[in-house]
Structures are given as C-alpha cells and as structure tokens.
Amino acid sequence: MYLNKNYKSIKQIRELKRARRKIWVEGHTDNAGKSNMKLSKNRTKFVLMACTDVGIHESKLKSKSIG
C-alpha cells in the first residue's frame, strides 16, 4: 500500500507513458555507508513497483540508485 500523497504522484507519472519516453527513477540518500546504498536501492525498487502497478510498462522504466 502506498501513501496517498505518493500514489497521487505516481498516477501523475502514469500520464507520461503517453509521451512514449523513458522514465528515469533515481534513489538518493546521503553518502554515509553501505546501509544508505541499500536504502537508495529500496527506494528505487519501491517507485519502480508503484509505476508498474499503475500501468507503466517496465520497458519504459530506467533506474539508478545513488548512495
């Protein structure tokens, strides 16, 4: 289950799929260690899953986790 404010943003992103463009998702934290890199990857993964849940095809999504 997504937080309502985040889900609203994901639904707005869904409108981009009509533009036939790739959507880049970047997960960010500060640069303090391995645990933050894991957090960054988890954030990215969450957003990717939310995007596919609202109908954005995986082929339109690109991601990068930045520690």
Protein backbone atom coordinates (compact mmCIF):
# COMPACT_ATOMS: atom_id res chain seq x y z
CA MET A 1 0.00 0.00 0.00
CA TYR A 2 1.33 3.41 -0.94
CA LEU A 3 0.99 6.63 0.98
CA ASN A 4 -1.77 8.71 -0.61
CA LYS A 5 0.45 11.67 -1.49
CA ASN A 6 3.00 9.38 -3.15
CA TYR A 7 0.35 7.44 -5.02
CA LYS A 8 -1.03 10.69 -6.43
CA SER A 9 2.43 11.49 -7.79
CA ILE A 10 2.72 8.01 -9.31
CA LYS A 11 -0.65 8.44 -11.01
CA GLN A 12 0.58 11.74 -12.47
CA ILE A 13 3.71 9.99 -13.73
CA ARG A 14 1.46 7.47 -15.46
CA GLU A 15 0.40 10.26 -17.80
CA LEU A 16 3.99 10.33 -19.10
CA LYS A 17 3.55 6.90 -20.65
CA ARG A 18 1.52 8.51 -23.39
CA ALA A 19 4.56 10.61 -24.34
CA ARG A 20 6.46 7.48 -25.43
CA ARG A 21 9.52 8.44 -23.41
CA LYS A 22 11.69 6.59 -20.94
CA ILE A 23 11.15 7.41 -17.30
CA TRP A 24 14.26 7.63 -15.11
CA VAL A 25 13.93 6.80 -11.42
CA GLU A 26 16.80 7.71 -9.09
CA GLY A 27 17.04 6.70 -5.44
CA HIS A 28 19.02 9.12 -3.27
CA THR A 29 20.37 9.23 0.29
CA ASP A 30 23.46 10.79 1.79
CA ASN A 31 26.86 9.18 1.28
CA ALA A 32 27.25 7.58 4.72
CA GLY A 33 27.90 3.92 4.13
CA LYS A 34 26.55 0.67 2.78
CA SER A 35 23.25 0.88 4.65
CA ASN A 36 22.36 4.04 2.76
CA MET A 37 23.13 2.38 -0.56
CA LYS A 38 20.70 -0.37 0.39
CA LEU A 39 18.12 2.26 1.33
CA SER A 40 18.68 4.01 -2.00
CA LYS A 41 18.11 0.73 -3.89
CA ASN A 42 14.97 0.00 -1.86
CA ARG A 43 13.55 3.45 -2.63
CA THR A 44 14.20 2.96 -6.32
CA LYS A 45 12.64 -0.50 -6.24
CA PHE A 46 9.54 0.82 -4.48
CA VAL A 47 8.98 3.55 -7.07
CA LEU A 48 9.52 1.10 -9.95
CA MET A 49 6.94 -1.28 -8.47
CA ALA A 50 4.48 1.56 -7.95
CA CYS A 51 4.92 2.68 -11.56
CA THR A 52 4.24 -0.79 -12.92
CA ASP A 53 1.23 -1.09 -10.60
CA VAL A 54 -0.40 1.93 -12.28
CA GLY A 55 0.23 0.56 -15.75
CA ILE A 56 3.62 1.87 -16.82
CA HIS A 57 5.38 -0.88 -18.76
CA GLU A 58 8.76 -2.00 -17.42
CA SER A 59 10.40 -1.30 -20.77
CA LYS A 60 9.75 2.43 -20.26
CA LEU A 61 11.48 2.50 -16.88
CA LYS A 62 15.17 3.01 -16.17
CA SER A 63 16.61 3.26 -12.69
CA LYS A 64 19.73 4.25 -10.83
CA SER A 65 20.50 4.14 -7.11
CA ILE A 66 22.81 6.83 -5.82
CA GLY A 67 24.08 6.10 -2.30
